[in-house]
Amino acid sequence: MVEDDDSLNRAVSVKLSKEGYTVYSAFSLEEACFIFERRNVSLIICDIELPDGSGFAFLDRVRRKGDVMFLFLTARDTEIDMINAYESGADDYITKPFPLSVLISKVHAVMKRVDRAEKIIRSGQVEFLLTENRVKKNGEYLSLTANEQKLLECFMRNPQKILSKNQLLEAVWDLEGSFVDENTLAVNIRRLREKIEEDPSNPCVIKNIRGLGYIWEKECEIE
């Protein structure tokens, strides 16, 4: 819940909590980005005008990272505002003031769509459990860092495709946020291989394509 109006943020958060949802409250764009990078969220409810930036900027960042459901909650009620929101990738748009019961109904509807969405990406003995945000190999949970997990998900969502180093850097570290050199990418891929590959010194899943990037060699199935 991203809303700088303290009373509104807390009112909506409390109501959603009573409906059985786990809610993280943010009162600025900076707080929203911090939570998004560290928590596995299914839905973002966001104001457009925030004290330190625009909700559109946050939506753009979210869309570059994944397909989290995104709902704008804003006083901006012109037709062009709504069109811009949907064209930018928003899933729904609610204007203020609004009955709290209407918002809750929309959240329920959105979460039903989330529940019907994909839950597992499977490739051989590796399973990425999307709803748990955890990874298994041969039925055992793996201990992955946040960056290793982002890297793995990027590979498994793009199987048998060559991904350039820049694509991987942007997917995992967000190049607009801070510069990360290619050596950091290589180190994370080496560590991921040590946890994924049967023989990390002779990888057959995550392969380096000299001069082009990396590829996840095996097929992936999304359920």
C-alpha atoms as a PDB file:
ATOM      1  CA  MET A   1       0.000   0.000   0.000  1.00  0.00           C
ATOM      2  CA  VAL A   2       1.764   3.145  -1.263  1.00  0.00           C
ATOM      3  CA  GLU A   3      -0.008   6.288  -0.034  1.00  0.00           C
ATOM      4  CA  ASP A   4       1.434   9.402   1.629  1.00  0.00           C
ATOM      5  CA  ASP A   5      -1.838  10.275   3.392  1.00  0.00           C
ATOM      6  CA  ASP A   6      -1.213   8.632   6.743  1.00  0.00           C
ATOM      7  CA  SER A   7      -4.865   8.182   7.779  1.00  0.00           C
ATOM      8  CA  LEU A   8      -5.924   6.745   4.412  1.00  0.00           C
ATOM      9  CA  ASN A   9      -2.919   4.418   4.235  1.00  0.00           C
ATOM     10  CA  ARG A  10      -3.566   3.038   7.685  1.00  0.00           C
ATOM     11  CA  ALA A  11      -7.328   2.729   7.181  1.00  0.00           C
ATOM     12  CA  VAL A  12      -6.942   0.698   3.999  1.00  0.00           C
ATOM     13  CA  SER A  13      -4.085  -1.370   5.439  1.00  0.00           C
ATOM     14  CA  VAL A  14      -6.063  -2.242   8.576  1.00  0.00           C
ATOM     15  CA  LYS A  15      -9.141  -3.212   6.543  1.00  0.00           C
ATOM     16  CA  LEU A  16      -7.105  -5.409   4.188  1.00  0.00           C
ATOM     17  CA  SER A  17      -5.375  -7.030   7.154  1.00  0.00           C
ATOM     18  CA  LYS A  18      -8.772  -7.862   8.653  1.00  0.00           C
ATOM     19  CA  GLU A  19      -9.690  -9.447   5.301  1.00  0.00           C
ATOM     20  CA  GLY A  20      -6.758 -11.823   5.751  1.00  0.00           C
ATOM     21  CA  TYR A  21      -4.083 -10.137   3.625  1.00  0.00           C
ATOM     22  CA  THR A  22      -0.513  -9.409   4.673  1.00  0.00           C
ATOM     23  CA  VAL A  23      -0.013  -5.694   4.038  1.00  0.00           C
ATOM     24  CA  TYR A  24       3.187  -3.637   3.800  1.00  0.00           C
ATOM     25  CA  SER A  25       2.673   0.127   4.107  1.00  0.00           C
ATOM     26  CA  ALA A  26       4.831   2.699   2.323  1.00  0.00           C
ATOM     27  CA  PHE A  27       4.417   6.469   2.491  1.00  0.00           C
ATOM     28  CA  SER A  28       6.898   7.435  -0.240  1.00  0.00           C
ATOM     29  CA  LEU A  29       8.401   6.135  -3.478  1.00  0.00           C
ATOM     30  CA  GLU A  30      11.675   5.361  -1.683  1.00  0.00           C
ATOM     31  CA  GLU A  31       9.908   3.206   0.915  1.00  0.00           C
ATOM     32  CA  ALA A  32       7.879   1.471  -1.797  1.00  0.00           C
ATOM     33  CA  CYS A  33      11.005   0.544  -3.771  1.00  0.00           C
ATOM     34  CA  PHE A  34      12.719  -0.700  -0.606  1.00  0.00           C
ATOM     35  CA  ILE A  35       9.788  -3.015   0.238  1.00  0.00           C
ATOM     36  CA  PHE A  36       9.330  -4.192  -3.361  1.00  0.00           C
ATOM     37  CA  GLU A  37      12.967  -5.275  -3.611  1.00  0.00           C
ATOM     38  CA  ARG A  38      12.819  -7.246  -0.364  1.00  0.00           C
ATOM     39  CA  ARG A  39       9.318  -8.709  -0.162  1.00  0.00           C
ATOM     40  CA  ASN A  40       7.384 -11.100  -2.361  1.00  0.00           C
ATOM     41  CA  VAL A  41       4.217  -9.110  -3.082  1.00  0.00           C
ATOM     42  CA  SER A  42       1.237 -10.089  -5.244  1.00  0.00           C
ATOM     43  CA  LEU A  43      -0.515  -6.711  -5.507  1.00  0.00           C
ATOM     44  CA  ILE A  44       0.566  -3.079  -5.272  1.00  0.00           C
ATOM     45  CA  ILE A  45      -1.972  -0.331  -4.505  1.00  0.00           C
ATOM     46  CA  CYS A  46      -0.343   3.009  -5.290  1.00  0.00           C
ATOM     47  CA  ASP A  47      -1.088   6.725  -5.378  1.00  0.00           C
ATOM     48  CA  ILE A  48       0.181   8.641  -8.407  1.00  0.00           C
ATOM     49  CA  GLU A  49       1.385  11.805  -6.671  1.00  0.00           C
ATOM     50  CA  LEU A  50       3.931  10.893  -3.994  1.00  0.00           C
ATOM     51  CA  PRO A  51       6.166  13.293  -2.026  1.00  0.00           C
ATOM     52  CA  ASP A  52       9.376  12.068  -3.678  1.00  0.00           C
ATOM     53  CA  GLY A  53       8.206  11.037  -7.152  1.00  0.00           C
ATOM     54  CA  SER A  54       5.491   9.655  -9.377  1.00  0.00           C
ATOM     55  CA  GLY A  55       3.553   6.421  -9.082  1.00  0.00           C
ATOM     56  CA  PHE A  56       4.132   6.033 -12.815  1.00  0.00           C
ATOM     57  CA  ALA A  57       7.880   5.798 -12.178  1.00  0.00           C
ATOM     58  CA  PHE A  58       7.265   3.076  -9.617  1.00  0.00           C
ATOM     59  CA  LEU A  59       4.973   1.208 -12.029  1.00  0.00           C
ATOM     60  CA  ASP A  60       7.688   1.337 -14.691  1.00  0.00           C
ATOM     61  CA  ARG A  61      10.222  -0.100 -12.245  1.00  0.00           C
ATOM     62  CA  VAL A  62       7.809  -2.859 -11.216  1.00  0.00           C
ATOM     63  CA  ARG A  63       7.017  -3.798 -14.815  1.00  0.00           C
ATOM     64  CA  ARG A  64      10.728  -4.096 -15.654  1.00  0.00           C
ATOM     65  CA  LYS A  65      11.078  -6.590 -12.799  1.00  0.00           C
ATOM     66  CA  GLY A  66       7.958  -8.713 -13.239  1.00  0.00           C
ATOM     67  CA  ASP A  67       4.199  -8.993 -13.529  1.00  0.00           C
ATOM     68  CA  VAL A  68       2.969  -7.986 -10.068  1.00  0.00           C
ATOM     69  CA  MET A  69      -0.639  -6.789 -10.118  1.00  0.00           C
ATOM     70  CA  PHE A  70      -0.756  -2.976  -9.890  1.00  0.00           C
ATOM     71  CA  LEU A  71      -3.743  -0.816  -8.902  1.00  0.00           C
ATOM     72  CA  PHE A  72      -3.680   2.992  -8.900  1.00  0.00           C
ATOM     73  CA  LEU A  73      -5.589   4.778  -6.132  1.00  0.00           C
ATOM     74  CA  THR A  74      -5.583   8.496  -6.914  1.00  0.00           C
ATOM     75  CA  ALA A  75      -7.482  11.797  -6.914  1.00  0.00           C
ATOM     76  CA  ARG A  76      -6.560  12.284 -10.582  1.00  0.00           C
ATOM     77  CA  ASP A  77      -9.811  11.456 -12.347  1.00  0.00           C
ATOM     78  CA  THR A  78      -9.508  12.719 -15.922  1.00  0.00           C
ATOM     79  CA  GLU A  79      -9.926  10.373 -18.853  1.00  0.00           C
ATOM     80  CA  ILE A  80      -6.355  10.987 -20.028  1.00  0.00           C
ATOM     81  CA  ASP A  81      -5.003  10.055 -16.569  1.00  0.00           C
ATOM     82  CA  MET A  82      -6.838   6.735 -16.712  1.00  0.00           C
ATOM     83  CA  ILE A  83      -5.727   6.032 -20.275  1.00  0.00           C
ATOM     84  CA  ASN A  84      -2.108   6.795 -19.380  1.00  0.00           C
ATOM     85  CA  ALA A  85      -2.325   4.472 -16.368  1.00  0.00           C
ATOM     86  CA  TYR A  86      -3.646   1.513 -18.344  1.00  0.00           C
ATOM     87  CA  GLU A  87      -1.242   2.110 -21.232  1.00  0.00           C
ATOM     88  CA  SER A  88       1.624   2.178 -18.709  1.00  0.00           C
ATOM     89  CA  GLY A  89       0.655  -1.263 -17.452  1.00  0.00           C
ATOM     90  CA  ALA A  90      -1.734  -0.680 -14.535  1.00  0.00           C
ATOM     91  CA  ASP A  91      -4.258  -3.461 -13.921  1.00  0.00           C
ATOM     92  CA  ASP A  92      -6.925  -1.239 -12.376  1.00  0.00           C
ATOM     93  CA  TYR A  93      -7.634   2.393 -11.470  1.00  0.00           C
ATOM     94  CA  ILE A  94      -9.717   3.801  -8.604  1.00  0.00           C
ATOM     95  CA  THR A  95     -10.376   7.503  -8.062  1.00  0.00           C
ATOM     96  CA  LYS A  96     -10.687   9.252  -4.713  1.00  0.00           C
ATOM     97  CA  PRO A  97     -12.942   9.581  -2.818  1.00  0.00           C
ATOM     98  CA  PHE A  98     -14.115   5.980  -2.906  1.00  0.00           C
ATOM     99  CA  PRO A  99     -16.167   3.580  -0.751  1.00  0.00           C
ATOM    100  CA  LEU A 100     -13.776   1.284   1.103  1.00  0.00           C
ATOM    101  CA  SER A 101     -16.067  -1.645   0.253  1.00  0.00           C
ATOM    102  CA  VAL A 102     -15.476  -1.025  -3.471  1.00  0.00           C
ATOM    103  CA  LEU A 103     -11.710  -1.113  -3.036  1.00  0.00           C
ATOM    104  CA  ILE A 104     -11.912  -4.342  -1.035  1.00  0.00           C
ATOM    105  CA  SER A 105     -14.108  -5.922  -3.737  1.00  0.00           C
ATOM    106  CA  LYS A 106     -11.589  -4.969  -6.404  1.00  0.00           C
ATOM    107  CA  VAL A 107      -8.733  -6.383  -4.332  1.00  0.00           C
ATOM    108  CA  HIS A 108     -10.617  -9.665  -3.914  1.00  0.00           C
ATOM    109  CA  ALA A 109     -11.187  -9.827  -7.686  1.00  0.00           C
ATOM    110  CA  VAL A 110      -7.545  -9.104  -8.466  1.00  0.00           C
ATOM    111  CA  MET A 111      -6.291 -11.687  -5.982  1.00  0.00           C
ATOM    112  CA  LYS A 112      -8.525 -14.350  -7.541  1.00  0.00           C
ATOM    113  CA  ARG A 113      -6.676 -13.683 -10.800  1.00  0.00           C
ATOM    114  CA  VAL A 114      -3.377 -14.007  -8.961  1.00  0.00           C
ATOM    115  CA  ASP A 115      -4.466 -17.322  -7.438  1.00  0.00           C
ATOM    116  CA  ARG A 116      -5.190 -18.675 -10.915  1.00  0.00           C
ATOM    117  CA  ALA A 117      -1.825 -17.497 -12.217  1.00  0.00           C
ATOM    118  CA  GLU A 118       1.320 -19.548 -12.693  1.00  0.00           C
ATOM    119  CA  LYS A 119       2.785 -21.083  -9.546  1.00  0.00           C
ATOM    120  CA  ILE A 120       5.832 -23.136 -10.573  1.00  0.00           C
ATOM    121  CA  ILE A 121       8.572 -22.986 -13.185  1.00  0.00           C
ATOM    122  CA  ARG A 122      10.109 -26.429 -13.573  1.00  0.00           C
ATOM    123  CA  SER A 123      13.260 -27.411 -15.465  1.00  0.00           C
ATOM    124  CA  GLY A 124      14.594 -30.908 -14.876  1.00  0.00           C
ATOM    125  CA  GLN A 125      15.150 -31.303 -11.140  1.00  0.00           C
ATOM    126  CA  VAL A 126      14.950 -27.551 -10.491  1.00  0.00           C
ATOM    127  CA  GLU A 127      11.639 -26.046  -9.374  1.00  0.00           C
ATOM    128  CA  PHE A 128      11.062 -22.319  -8.858  1.00  0.00           C
ATOM    129  CA  LEU A 129       8.062 -22.046  -6.512  1.00  0.00           C
ATOM    130  CA  LEU A 130       6.667 -18.642  -7.454  1.00  0.00           C
ATOM    131  CA  THR A 131       4.033 -18.443  -4.736  1.00  0.00           C
ATOM    132  CA  GLU A 132       6.617 -19.241  -2.057  1.00  0.00           C
ATOM    133  CA  ASN A 133       9.430 -17.350  -3.778  1.00  0.00           C
ATOM    134  CA  ARG A 134      11.717 -20.325  -3.065  1.00  0.00           C
ATOM    135  CA  VAL A 135      13.668 -22.819  -5.151  1.00  0.00           C
ATOM    136  CA  LYS A 136      13.993 -26.582  -4.906  1.00  0.00           C
ATOM    137  CA  LYS A 137      16.428 -29.013  -6.477  1.00  0.00           C
ATOM    138  CA  ASN A 138      15.739 -32.737  -6.229  1.00  0.00           C
ATOM    139  CA  GLY A 139      12.999 -31.923  -3.734  1.00  0.00           C
ATOM    140  CA  GLU A 140      15.312 -30.013  -1.377  1.00  0.00           C
ATOM    141  CA  TYR A 141      15.125 -26.262  -0.795  1.00  0.00           C
ATOM    142  CA  LEU A 142      18.141 -24.295  -1.996  1.00  0.00           C
ATOM    143  CA  SER A 143      19.687 -21.396  -0.099  1.00  0.00           C
ATOM    144  CA  LEU A 144      19.950 -18.601  -2.657  1.00  0.00           C
ATOM    145  CA  THR A 145      20.760 -14.929  -2.227  1.00  0.00           C
ATOM    146  CA  ALA A 146      18.220 -12.402  -3.504  1.00  0.00           C
ATOM    147  CA  ASN A 147      20.354 -11.677  -6.577  1.00  0.00           C
ATOM    148  CA  GLU A 148      20.923 -15.371  -7.320  1.00  0.00           C
ATOM    149  CA  GLN A 149      17.175 -15.908  -7.154  1.00  0.00           C
ATOM    150  CA  LYS A 150      16.437 -12.997  -9.498  1.00  0.00           C
ATOM    151  CA  LEU A 151      19.083 -14.297 -11.872  1.00  0.00           C
ATOM    152  CA  LEU A 152      17.621 -17.801 -11.793  1.00  0.00           C
ATOM    153  CA  GLU A 153      14.088 -16.556 -12.436  1.00  0.00           C
ATOM    154  CA  CYS A 154      15.299 -14.476 -15.371  1.00  0.00           C
ATOM    155  CA  PHE A 155      16.973 -17.559 -16.894  1.00  0.00           C
ATOM    156  CA  MET A 156      14.000 -19.862 -16.266  1.00  0.00           C
ATOM    157  CA  ARG A 157      11.521 -17.394 -17.764  1.00  0.00           C
ATOM    158  CA  ASN A 158      13.681 -17.203 -20.886  1.00  0.00           C
ATOM    159  CA  PRO A 159      14.850 -20.789 -21.494  1.00  0.00           C
ATOM    160  CA  GLN A 160      17.024 -21.642 -24.482  1.00  0.00           C
ATOM    161  CA  LYS A 161      17.455 -17.965 -25.331  1.00  0.00           C
ATOM    162  CA  ILE A 162      20.768 -16.140 -25.274  1.00  0.00           C
ATOM    163  CA  LEU A 163      20.581 -13.346 -22.711  1.00  0.00           C
ATOM    164  CA  SER A 164      23.158 -10.602 -23.044  1.00  0.00           C
ATOM    165  CA  LYS A 165      25.138  -9.438 -20.039  1.00  0.00           C
ATOM    166  CA  ASN A 166      23.330  -6.107 -20.158  1.00  0.00           C
ATOM    167  CA  GLN A 167      19.930  -7.845 -20.126  1.00  0.00           C
ATOM    168  CA  LEU A 168      20.922  -9.831 -17.056  1.00  0.00           C
ATOM    169  CA  LEU A 169      22.423  -6.815 -15.305  1.00  0.00           C
ATOM    170  CA  GLU A 170      19.253  -4.793 -15.879  1.00  0.00           C
ATOM    171  CA  ALA A 171      16.951  -7.649 -14.811  1.00  0.00           C
ATOM    172  CA  VAL A 172      18.811  -8.292 -11.560  1.00  0.00           C
ATOM    173  CA  TRP A 173      20.412  -5.011 -10.485  1.00  0.00           C
ATOM    174  CA  ASP A 174      18.451  -2.322 -12.380  1.00  0.00           C
ATOM    175  CA  LEU A 175      21.174  -0.420 -14.221  1.00  0.00           C
ATOM    176  CA  GLU A 176      19.389   2.900 -13.768  1.00  0.00           C
ATOM    177  CA  GLY A 177      19.702   2.546 -10.016  1.00  0.00           C
ATOM    178  CA  SER A 178      23.412   1.815  -9.698  1.00  0.00           C
ATOM    179  CA  PHE A 179      26.237   0.582 -11.868  1.00  0.00           C
ATOM    180  CA  VAL A 180      27.282  -3.027 -11.493  1.00  0.00           C
ATOM    181  CA  ASP A 181      30.286  -4.323 -13.408  1.00  0.00           C
ATOM    182  CA  GLU A 182      30.324  -7.551 -15.427  1.00  0.00           C
ATOM    183  CA  ASN A 183      32.594  -9.240 -12.908  1.00  0.00           C
ATOM    184  CA  THR A 184      29.788  -9.070 -10.330  1.00  0.00           C
ATOM    185  CA  LEU A 185      27.510 -10.845 -12.817  1.00  0.00           C
ATOM    186  CA  ALA A 186      30.120 -13.536 -13.453  1.00  0.00           C
ATOM    187  CA  VAL A 187      30.566 -14.135  -9.709  1.00  0.00           C
ATOM    188  CA  ASN A 188      26.823 -14.517  -9.161  1.00  0.00           C
ATOM    189  CA  ILE A 189      26.496 -16.904 -12.109  1.00  0.00           C
ATOM    190  CA  ARG A 190      29.382 -18.989 -10.759  1.00  0.00           C
ATOM    191  CA  ARG A 191      27.726 -19.195  -7.345  1.00  0.00           C
ATOM    192  CA  LEU A 192      24.372 -20.059  -8.913  1.00  0.00           C
ATOM    193  CA  ARG A 193      26.015 -22.825 -10.946  1.00  0.00           C
ATOM    194  CA  GLU A 194      27.482 -24.264  -7.767  1.00  0.00           C
ATOM    195  CA  LYS A 195      23.944 -24.697  -6.437  1.00  0.00           C
ATOM    196  CA  ILE A 196      22.187 -25.710  -9.681  1.00  0.00           C
ATOM    197  CA  GLU A 197      24.671 -27.684 -11.760  1.00  0.00           C
ATOM    198  CA  GLU A 198      25.637 -31.311 -11.122  1.00  0.00           C
ATOM    199  CA  ASP A 199      29.194 -30.420 -12.174  1.00  0.00           C
ATOM    200  CA  PRO A 200      29.729 -26.643 -11.802  1.00  0.00           C
ATOM    201  CA  SER A 201      33.164 -26.860 -13.432  1.00  0.00           C
ATOM    202  CA  ASN A 202      31.526 -28.278 -16.564  1.00  0.00           C
ATOM    203  CA  PRO A 203      28.113 -26.549 -16.685  1.00  0.00           C
ATOM    204  CA  CYS A 204      25.404 -28.025 -18.874  1.00  0.00           C
ATOM    205  CA  VAL A 205      22.468 -25.854 -17.747  1.00  0.00           C
ATOM    206  CA  ILE A 206      23.769 -22.269 -17.558  1.00  0.00           C
ATOM    207  CA  LYS A 207      26.214 -21.928 -20.424  1.00  0.00           C
ATOM    208  CA  ASN A 208      28.398 -19.032 -21.486  1.00  0.00           C
ATOM    209  CA  ILE A 209      28.073 -18.084 -25.164  1.00  0.00           C
ATOM    210  CA  ARG A 210      31.334 -16.303 -25.826  1.00  0.00           C
ATOM    211  CA  GLY A 211      30.868 -12.713 -26.892  1.00  0.00           C
ATOM    212  CA  LEU A 212      27.067 -12.863 -26.594  1.00  0.00           C
ATOM    213  CA  GLY A 213      26.033 -13.715 -23.035  1.00  0.00           C
ATOM    214  CA  TYR A 214      24.525 -16.705 -21.252  1.00  0.00           C
ATOM    215  CA  ILE A 215      21.820 -19.269 -21.967  1.00  0.00           C
ATOM    216  CA  TRP A 216      19.676 -21.647 -19.904  1.00  0.00           C
ATOM    217  CA  GLU A 217      20.058 -24.752 -22.052  1.00  0.00           C
ATOM    218  CA  LYS A 218      17.177 -26.848 -20.739  1.00  0.00           C
ATOM    219  CA  GLU A 219      13.460 -26.556 -21.437  1.00  0.00           C
ATOM    220  CA  CYS A 220      11.253 -24.977 -18.765  1.00  0.00           C
ATOM    221  CA  GLU A 221       7.621 -25.690 -17.996  1.00  0.00           C
ATOM    222  CA  ILE A 222       5.392 -23.124 -16.290  1.00  0.00           C
ATOM    223  CA  GLU A 223       2.388 -24.362 -14.317  1.00  0.00           C
END
